[in-house]
Amino acid sequence: MGFKPIPTLISLFLTLIIWFAIPVPAGVDPNAWHLLAMFVGVIAAIIGKAMPIGAIAIIAITLVAVTGVTNDSPSGAIKDA
């Protein structure tokens, strides 16, 4: 496999918990909260060495573009990524 399953599951679990289970605090934009969730997941993947850091970076950039957390328009999100 190209990844380690346990660190990958832990980083995915942390991301999903922050994204879906923890409510967005008052005064925080939901997109900013989702970006934080992805950031925490990426850091957990890096610390756990789930994949090579370059692969994690490419996946993170792709997720920012696909989810549109930085921009509402698809072309703007791709430019931000």
PDB file of N, CA and C in Angstrom:
ATOM      1  N   MET A   1       0.840  -1.191   0.000  1.00  0.00           N
ATOM      2  CA  MET A   1       0.000   0.000   0.000  1.00  0.00           C
ATOM      3  C   MET A   1       0.883   1.253   0.000  1.00  0.00           C
ATOM      4  N   GLY A   2       0.322   2.326  -0.501  1.00  0.00           N
ATOM      5  CA  GLY A   2       1.049   3.586  -0.529  1.00  0.00           C
ATOM      6  C   GLY A   2       0.813   4.440   0.695  1.00  0.00           C
ATOM      7  N   PHE A   3       0.088   3.914   1.669  1.00  0.00           N
ATOM      8  CA  PHE A   3      -0.188   4.672   2.882  1.00  0.00           C
ATOM      9  C   PHE A   3      -0.225   3.719   4.068  1.00  0.00           C
ATOM     10  N   LYS A   4      -0.083   4.312   5.264  1.00  0.00           N
ATOM     11  CA  LYS A   4      -0.204   3.526   6.492  1.00  0.00           C
ATOM     12  C   LYS A   4      -1.648   3.649   6.975  1.00  0.00           C
ATOM     13  N   PRO A   5      -2.336   2.518   7.143  1.00  0.00           N
ATOM     14  CA  PRO A   5      -3.775   2.594   7.428  1.00  0.00           C
ATOM     15  C   PRO A   5      -4.139   3.245   8.765  1.00  0.00           C
ATOM     16  N   ILE A   6      -3.421   2.951   9.826  1.00  0.00           N
ATOM     17  CA  ILE A   6      -3.799   3.493  11.144  1.00  0.00           C
ATOM     18  C   ILE A   6      -3.644   5.013  11.199  1.00  0.00           C
ATOM     19  N   PRO A   7      -2.482   5.590  10.830  1.00  0.00           N
ATOM     20  CA  PRO A   7      -2.394   7.058  10.836  1.00  0.00           C
ATOM     21  C   PRO A   7      -3.376   7.719   9.870  1.00  0.00           C
ATOM     22  N   THR A   8      -3.646   7.062   8.749  1.00  0.00           N
ATOM     23  CA  THR A   8      -4.601   7.614   7.787  1.00  0.00           C
ATOM     24  C   THR A   8      -6.003   7.660   8.388  1.00  0.00           C
ATOM     25  N   LEU A   9      -6.406   6.585   9.043  1.00  0.00           N
ATOM     26  CA  LEU A   9      -7.735   6.559   9.675  1.00  0.00           C
ATOM     27  C   LEU A   9      -7.842   7.575  10.802  1.00  0.00           C
ATOM     28  N   ILE A  10      -6.774   7.744  11.573  1.00  0.00           N
ATOM     29  CA  ILE A  10      -6.790   8.723  12.666  1.00  0.00           C
ATOM     30  C   ILE A  10      -6.945  10.134  12.114  1.00  0.00           C
ATOM     31  N   SER A  11      -6.182  10.471  11.080  1.00  0.00           N
ATOM     32  CA  SER A  11      -6.291  11.823  10.515  1.00  0.00           C
ATOM     33  C   SER A  11      -7.659  12.052   9.876  1.00  0.00           C
ATOM     34  N   LEU A  12      -8.184  11.038   9.212  1.00  0.00           N
ATOM     35  CA  LEU A  12      -9.523  11.146   8.628  1.00  0.00           C
ATOM     36  C   LEU A  12     -10.583  11.297   9.721  1.00  0.00           C
ATOM     37  N   PHE A  13     -10.441  10.527  10.790  1.00  0.00           N
ATOM     38  CA  PHE A  13     -11.377  10.602  11.911  1.00  0.00           C
ATOM     39  C   PHE A  13     -11.370  11.997  12.538  1.00  0.00           C
ATOM     40  N   LEU A  14     -10.183  12.553  12.777  1.00  0.00           N
ATOM     41  CA  LEU A  14     -10.090  13.893  13.359  1.00  0.00           C
ATOM     42  C   LEU A  14     -10.753  14.931  12.456  1.00  0.00           C
ATOM     43  N   THR A  15     -10.496  14.820  11.166  1.00  0.00           N
ATOM     44  CA  THR A  15     -11.086  15.764  10.219  1.00  0.00           C
ATOM     45  C   THR A  15     -12.610  15.690  10.237  1.00  0.00           C
ATOM     46  N   LEU A  16     -13.138  14.479  10.181  1.00  0.00           N
ATOM     47  CA  LEU A  16     -14.593  14.313  10.144  1.00  0.00           C
ATOM     48  C   LEU A  16     -15.259  14.730  11.454  1.00  0.00           C
ATOM     49  N   ILE A  17     -14.591  14.485  12.567  1.00  0.00           N
ATOM     50  CA  ILE A  17     -15.144  14.912  13.865  1.00  0.00           C
ATOM     51  C   ILE A  17     -15.266  16.429  13.910  1.00  0.00           C
ATOM     52  N   ILE A  18     -14.205  17.128  13.519  1.00  0.00           N
ATOM     53  CA  ILE A  18     -14.260  18.595  13.555  1.00  0.00           C
ATOM     54  C   ILE A  18     -15.265  19.108  12.529  1.00  0.00           C
ATOM     55  N   TRP A  19     -15.294  18.497  11.351  1.00  0.00           N
ATOM     56  CA  TRP A  19     -16.171  18.974  10.265  1.00  0.00           C
ATOM     57  C   TRP A  19     -17.647  18.804  10.618  1.00  0.00           C
ATOM     58  N   PHE A  20     -18.016  17.605  11.126  1.00  0.00           N
ATOM     59  CA  PHE A  20     -19.434  17.286  11.301  1.00  0.00           C
ATOM     60  C   PHE A  20     -19.923  17.293  12.752  1.00  0.00           C
ATOM     61  N   ALA A  21     -19.116  16.867  13.701  1.00  0.00           N
ATOM     62  CA  ALA A  21     -19.613  16.645  15.059  1.00  0.00           C
ATOM     63  C   ALA A  21     -19.497  17.868  15.961  1.00  0.00           C
ATOM     64  N   ILE A  22     -18.499  18.690  15.744  1.00  0.00           N
ATOM     65  CA  ILE A  22     -18.320  19.868  16.599  1.00  0.00           C
ATOM     66  C   ILE A  22     -19.014  21.041  15.921  1.00  0.00           C
ATOM     67  N   PRO A  23     -19.939  21.676  16.615  1.00  0.00           N
ATOM     68  CA  PRO A  23     -20.650  22.799  15.988  1.00  0.00           C
ATOM     69  C   PRO A  23     -19.707  23.980  15.734  1.00  0.00           C
ATOM     70  N   VAL A  24     -20.021  24.726  14.701  1.00  0.00           N
ATOM     71  CA  VAL A  24     -19.226  25.905  14.351  1.00  0.00           C
ATOM     72  C   VAL A  24     -19.423  26.959  15.441  1.00  0.00           C
ATOM     73  N   PRO A  25     -18.336  27.466  16.029  1.00  0.00           N
ATOM     74  CA  PRO A  25     -18.475  28.486  17.071  1.00  0.00           C
ATOM     75  C   PRO A  25     -19.090  29.771  16.525  1.00  0.00           C
ATOM     76  N   ALA A  26     -19.739  30.494  17.406  1.00  0.00           N
ATOM     77  CA  ALA A  26     -20.350  31.762  17.016  1.00  0.00           C
ATOM     78  C   ALA A  26     -19.263  32.720  16.541  1.00  0.00           C
ATOM     79  N   GLY A  27     -19.554  33.409  15.465  1.00  0.00           N
ATOM     80  CA  GLY A  27     -18.612  34.381  14.927  1.00  0.00           C
ATOM     81  C   GLY A  27     -17.584  33.790  13.975  1.00  0.00           C
ATOM     82  N   VAL A  28     -17.620  32.480  13.767  1.00  0.00           N
ATOM     83  CA  VAL A  28     -16.690  31.823  12.847  1.00  0.00           C
ATOM     84  C   VAL A  28     -17.460  31.394  11.605  1.00  0.00           C
ATOM     85  N   ASP A  29     -16.921  31.727  10.459  1.00  0.00           N
ATOM     86  CA  ASP A  29     -17.528  31.335   9.189  1.00  0.00           C
ATOM     87  C   ASP A  29     -17.446  29.816   9.038  1.00  0.00           C
ATOM     88  N   PRO A  30     -18.510  29.154   8.598  1.00  0.00           N
ATOM     89  CA  PRO A  30     -18.467  27.698   8.426  1.00  0.00           C
ATOM     90  C   PRO A  30     -17.346  27.221   7.504  1.00  0.00           C
ATOM     91  N   ASN A  31     -17.055  27.980   6.449  1.00  0.00           N
ATOM     92  CA  ASN A  31     -15.955  27.589   5.566  1.00  0.00           C
ATOM     93  C   ASN A  31     -14.615  27.651   6.281  1.00  0.00           C
ATOM     94  N   ALA A  32     -14.443  28.625   7.146  1.00  0.00           N
ATOM     95  CA  ALA A  32     -13.205  28.711   7.920  1.00  0.00           C
ATOM     96  C   ALA A  32     -13.092  27.515   8.872  1.00  0.00           C
ATOM     97  N   TRP A  33     -14.206  27.105   9.439  1.00  0.00           N
ATOM     98  CA  TRP A  33     -14.210  25.942  10.342  1.00  0.00           C
ATOM     99  C   TRP A  33     -13.855  24.673   9.575  1.00  0.00           C
ATOM    100  N   HIS A  34     -14.369  24.539   8.372  1.00  0.00           N
ATOM    101  CA  HIS A  34     -14.066  23.371   7.550  1.00  0.00           C
ATOM    102  C   HIS A  34     -12.609  23.370   7.106  1.00  0.00           C
ATOM    103  N   LEU A  35     -12.076  24.547   6.826  1.00  0.00           N
ATOM    104  CA  LEU A  35     -10.656  24.641   6.484  1.00  0.00           C
ATOM    105  C   LEU A  35      -9.793  24.250   7.675  1.00  0.00           C
ATOM    106  N   LEU A  36     -10.202  24.633   8.873  1.00  0.00           N
ATOM    107  CA  LEU A  36      -9.485  24.225  10.084  1.00  0.00           C
ATOM    108  C   LEU A  36      -9.524  22.707  10.242  1.00  0.00           C
ATOM    109  N   ALA A  37     -10.672  22.114   9.968  1.00  0.00           N
ATOM    110  CA  ALA A  37     -10.786  20.653  10.066  1.00  0.00           C
ATOM    111  C   ALA A  37      -9.816  19.971   9.111  1.00  0.00           C
ATOM    112  N   MET A  38      -9.729  20.470   7.886  1.00  0.00           N
ATOM    113  CA  MET A  38      -8.794  19.885   6.927  1.00  0.00           C
ATOM    114  C   MET A  38      -7.353  20.107   7.368  1.00  0.00           C
ATOM    115  N   PHE A  39      -7.062  21.271   7.916  1.00  0.00           N
ATOM    116  CA  PHE A  39      -5.711  21.570   8.393  1.00  0.00           C
ATOM    117  C   PHE A  39      -5.300  20.615   9.504  1.00  0.00           C
ATOM    118  N   VAL A  40      -6.194  20.390  10.454  1.00  0.00           N
ATOM    119  CA  VAL A  40      -5.897  19.469  11.558  1.00  0.00           C
ATOM    120  C   VAL A  40      -5.660  18.058  11.021  1.00  0.00           C
ATOM    121  N   GLY A  41      -6.472  17.642  10.068  1.00  0.00           N
ATOM    122  CA  GLY A  41      -6.289  16.324   9.462  1.00  0.00           C
ATOM    123  C   GLY A  41      -4.962  16.190   8.739  1.00  0.00           C
ATOM    124  N   VAL A  42      -4.574  17.231   8.024  1.00  0.00           N
ATOM    125  CA  VAL A  42      -3.292  17.206   7.303  1.00  0.00           C
ATOM    126  C   VAL A  42      -2.131  17.152   8.289  1.00  0.00           C
ATOM    127  N   ILE A  43      -2.186  17.940   9.334  1.00  0.00           N
ATOM    128  CA  ILE A  43      -1.118  17.927  10.336  1.00  0.00           C
ATOM    129  C   ILE A  43      -1.047  16.558  11.001  1.00  0.00           C
ATOM    130  N   ALA A  44      -2.192  15.966  11.314  1.00  0.00           N
ATOM    131  CA  ALA A  44      -2.194  14.623  11.914  1.00  0.00           C
ATOM    132  C   ALA A  44      -1.596  13.592  10.956  1.00  0.00           C
ATOM    133  N   ALA A  45      -1.889  13.729   9.666  1.00  0.00           N
ATOM    134  CA  ALA A  45      -1.332  12.808   8.670  1.00  0.00           C
ATOM    135  C   ALA A  45       0.177  12.986   8.547  1.00  0.00           C
ATOM    136  N   ILE A  46       0.644  14.222   8.630  1.00  0.00           N
ATOM    137  CA  ILE A  46       2.081  14.476   8.560  1.00  0.00           C
ATOM    138  C   ILE A  46       2.784  13.914   9.784  1.00  0.00           C
ATOM    139  N   ILE A  47       2.235  14.179  10.965  1.00  0.00           N
ATOM    140  CA  ILE A  47       2.849  13.679  12.200  1.00  0.00           C
ATOM    141  C   ILE A  47       2.846  12.155  12.232  1.00  0.00           C
ATOM    142  N   GLY A  48       1.746  11.550  11.795  1.00  0.00           N
ATOM    143  CA  GLY A  48       1.644  10.094  11.794  1.00  0.00           C
ATOM    144  C   GLY A  48       2.349   9.429  10.624  1.00  0.00           C
ATOM    145  N   LYS A  49       2.876  10.255   9.710  1.00  0.00           N
ATOM    146  CA  LYS A  49       3.558   9.752   8.520  1.00  0.00           C
ATOM    147  C   LYS A  49       2.670   8.766   7.759  1.00  0.00           C
ATOM    148  N   ALA A  50       1.414   9.185   7.554  1.00  0.00           N
ATOM    149  CA  ALA A  50       0.450   8.352   6.846  1.00  0.00           C
ATOM    150  C   ALA A  50       0.890   8.092   5.412  1.00  0.00           C
ATOM    151  N   MET A  51       1.516   9.083   4.800  1.00  0.00           N
ATOM    152  CA  MET A  51       2.024   8.997   3.425  1.00  0.00           C
ATOM    153  C   MET A  51       3.246   9.902   3.356  1.00  0.00           C
ATOM    154  N   PRO A  52       3.969   9.852   2.252  1.00  0.00           N
ATOM    155  CA  PRO A  52       5.037  10.846   2.085  1.00  0.00           C
ATOM    156  C   PRO A  52       4.448  12.257   2.103  1.00  0.00           C
ATOM    157  N   ILE A  53       5.195  13.208   2.623  1.00  0.00           N
ATOM    158  CA  ILE A  53       4.670  14.562   2.823  1.00  0.00           C
ATOM    159  C   ILE A  53       4.230  15.211   1.512  1.00  0.00           C
ATOM    160  N   GLY A  54       4.909  14.910   0.418  1.00  0.00           N
ATOM    161  CA  GLY A  54       4.510  15.457  -0.879  1.00  0.00           C
ATOM    162  C   GLY A  54       3.138  14.970  -1.301  1.00  0.00           C
ATOM    163  N   ALA A  55       2.867  13.699  -1.065  1.00  0.00           N
ATOM    164  CA  ALA A  55       1.556  13.141  -1.404  1.00  0.00           C
ATOM    165  C   ALA A  55       0.461  13.762  -0.542  1.00  0.00           C
ATOM    166  N   ILE A  56       0.761  13.959   0.731  1.00  0.00           N
ATOM    167  CA  ILE A  56      -0.217  14.591   1.625  1.00  0.00           C
ATOM    168  C   ILE A  56      -0.505  16.011   1.160  1.00  0.00           C
ATOM    169  N   ALA A  57       0.533  16.731   0.744  1.00  0.00           N
ATOM    170  CA  ALA A  57       0.358  18.110   0.283  1.00  0.00           C
ATOM    171  C   ALA A  57      -0.519  18.163  -0.969  1.00  0.00           C
ATOM    172  N   ILE A  58      -0.277  17.261  -1.917  1.00  0.00           N
ATOM    173  CA  ILE A  58      -1.078  17.242  -3.150  1.00  0.00           C
ATOM    174  C   ILE A  58      -2.541  16.933  -2.833  1.00  0.00           C
ATOM    175  N   ILE A  59      -2.763  15.978  -1.947  1.00  0.00           N
ATOM    176  CA  ILE A  59      -4.138  15.634  -1.557  1.00  0.00           C
ATOM    177  C   ILE A  59      -4.808  16.815  -0.860  1.00  0.00           C
ATOM    178  N   ALA A  60      -4.080  17.495   0.025  1.00  0.00           N
ATOM    179  CA  ALA A  60      -4.640  18.641   0.743  1.00  0.00           C
ATOM    180  C   ALA A  60      -5.013  19.766  -0.214  1.00  0.00           C
ATOM    181  N   ILE A  61      -4.148  20.060  -1.164  1.00  0.00           N
ATOM    182  CA  ILE A  61      -4.432  21.118  -2.140  1.00  0.00           C
ATOM    183  C   ILE A  61      -5.652  20.746  -2.988  1.00  0.00           C
ATOM    184  N   THR A  62      -5.728  19.486  -3.375  1.00  0.00           N
ATOM    185  CA  THR A  62      -6.876  19.019  -4.157  1.00  0.00           C
ATOM    186  C   THR A  62      -8.167  19.138  -3.364  1.00  0.00           C
ATOM    187  N   LEU A  63      -8.126  18.772  -2.083  1.00  0.00           N
ATOM    188  CA  LEU A  63      -9.328  18.859  -1.250  1.00  0.00           C
ATOM    189  C   LEU A  63      -9.788  20.300  -1.074  1.00  0.00           C
ATOM    190  N   VAL A  64      -8.851  21.236  -0.942  1.00  0.00           N
ATOM    191  CA  VAL A  64      -9.232  22.647  -0.839  1.00  0.00           C
ATOM    192  C   VAL A  64      -9.953  23.088  -2.109  1.00  0.00           C
ATOM    193  N   ALA A  65      -9.446  22.658  -3.254  1.00  0.00           N
ATOM    194  CA  ALA A  65     -10.080  23.041  -4.521  1.00  0.00           C
ATOM    195  C   ALA A  65     -11.445  22.380  -4.691  1.00  0.00           C
ATOM    196  N   VAL A  66     -11.543  21.094  -4.343  1.00  0.00           N
ATOM    197  CA  VAL A  66     -12.788  20.340  -4.558  1.00  0.00           C
ATOM    198  C   VAL A  66     -13.892  20.784  -3.598  1.00  0.00           C
ATOM    199  N   THR A  67     -13.550  21.004  -2.331  1.00  0.00           N
ATOM    200  CA  THR A  67     -14.575  21.364  -1.351  1.00  0.00           C
ATOM    201  C   THR A  67     -15.004  22.823  -1.447  1.00  0.00           C
ATOM    202  N   GLY A  68     -14.177  23.672  -2.013  1.00  0.00           N
ATOM    203  CA  GLY A  68     -14.541  25.077  -2.168  1.00  0.00           C
ATOM    204  C   GLY A  68     -14.613  25.845  -0.870  1.00  0.00           C
ATOM    205  N   VAL A  69     -13.775  25.504   0.102  1.00  0.00           N
ATOM    206  CA  VAL A  69     -13.836  26.194   1.391  1.00  0.00           C
ATOM    207  C   VAL A  69     -13.241  27.596   1.342  1.00  0.00           C
ATOM    208  N   THR A  70     -12.459  27.902   0.319  1.00  0.00           N
ATOM    209  CA  THR A  70     -11.856  29.227   0.244  1.00  0.00           C
ATOM    210  C   THR A  70     -12.590  30.167  -0.693  1.00  0.00           C
ATOM    211  N   ASN A  71     -13.452  29.615  -1.550  1.00  0.00           N
ATOM    212  CA  ASN A  71     -14.134  30.439  -2.531  1.00  0.00           C
ATOM    213  C   ASN A  71     -15.399  29.707  -2.980  1.00  0.00           C
ATOM    214  N   ASP A  72     -16.462  30.465  -3.226  1.00  0.00           N
ATOM    215  CA  ASP A  72     -17.719  29.847  -3.623  1.00  0.00           C
ATOM    216  C   ASP A  72     -17.730  29.386  -5.075  1.00  0.00           C
ATOM    217  N   SER A  73     -16.968  30.067  -5.931  1.00  0.00           N
ATOM    218  CA  SER A  73     -16.951  29.664  -7.338  1.00  0.00           C
ATOM    219  C   SER A  73     -15.877  28.603  -7.553  1.00  0.00           C
ATOM    220  N   PRO A  74     -16.149  27.604  -8.373  1.00  0.00           N
ATOM    221  CA  PRO A  74     -15.169  26.543  -8.608  1.00  0.00           C
ATOM    222  C   PRO A  74     -13.847  27.065  -9.171  1.00  0.00           C
ATOM    223  N   SER A  75     -13.900  28.032 -10.094  1.00  0.00           N
ATOM    224  CA  SER A  75     -12.654  28.540 -10.654  1.00  0.00           C
ATOM    225  C   SER A  75     -11.865  29.322  -9.605  1.00  0.00           C
ATOM    226  N   GLY A  76     -12.555  30.042  -8.736  1.00  0.00           N
ATOM    227  CA  GLY A  76     -11.878  30.757  -7.664  1.00  0.00           C
ATOM    228  C   GLY A  76     -11.244  29.810  -6.654  1.00  0.00           C
ATOM    229  N   ALA A  77     -11.934  28.721  -6.356  1.00  0.00           N
ATOM    230  CA  ALA A  77     -11.377  27.743  -5.419  1.00  0.00           C
ATOM    231  C   ALA A  77     -10.133  27.084  -5.997  1.00  0.00           C
ATOM    232  N   ILE A  78     -10.133  26.796  -7.283  1.00  0.00           N
ATOM    233  CA  ILE A  78      -8.962  26.198  -7.925  1.00  0.00           C
ATOM    234  C   ILE A  78      -7.810  27.199  -7.923  1.00  0.00           C
ATOM    235  N   LYS A  79      -8.089  28.462  -8.171  1.00  0.00           N
ATOM    236  CA  LYS A  79      -7.032  29.480  -8.133  1.00  0.00           C
ATOM    237  C   LYS A  79      -6.456  29.616  -6.719  1.00  0.00           C
ATOM    238  N   ASP A  80      -7.326  29.559  -5.709  1.00  0.00           N
ATOM    239  CA  ASP A  80      -6.854  29.647  -4.324  1.00  0.00           C
ATOM    240  C   ASP A  80      -5.978  28.458  -3.964  1.00  0.00           C
ATOM    241  N   ALA A  81      -6.371  27.300  -4.447  1.00  0.00           N
ATOM    242  CA  ALA A  81      -5.595  26.089  -4.135  1.00  0.00           C
ATOM    243  C   ALA A  81      -4.250  26.173  -4.814  1.00  0.00           C
TER     244      ALA A  81
END
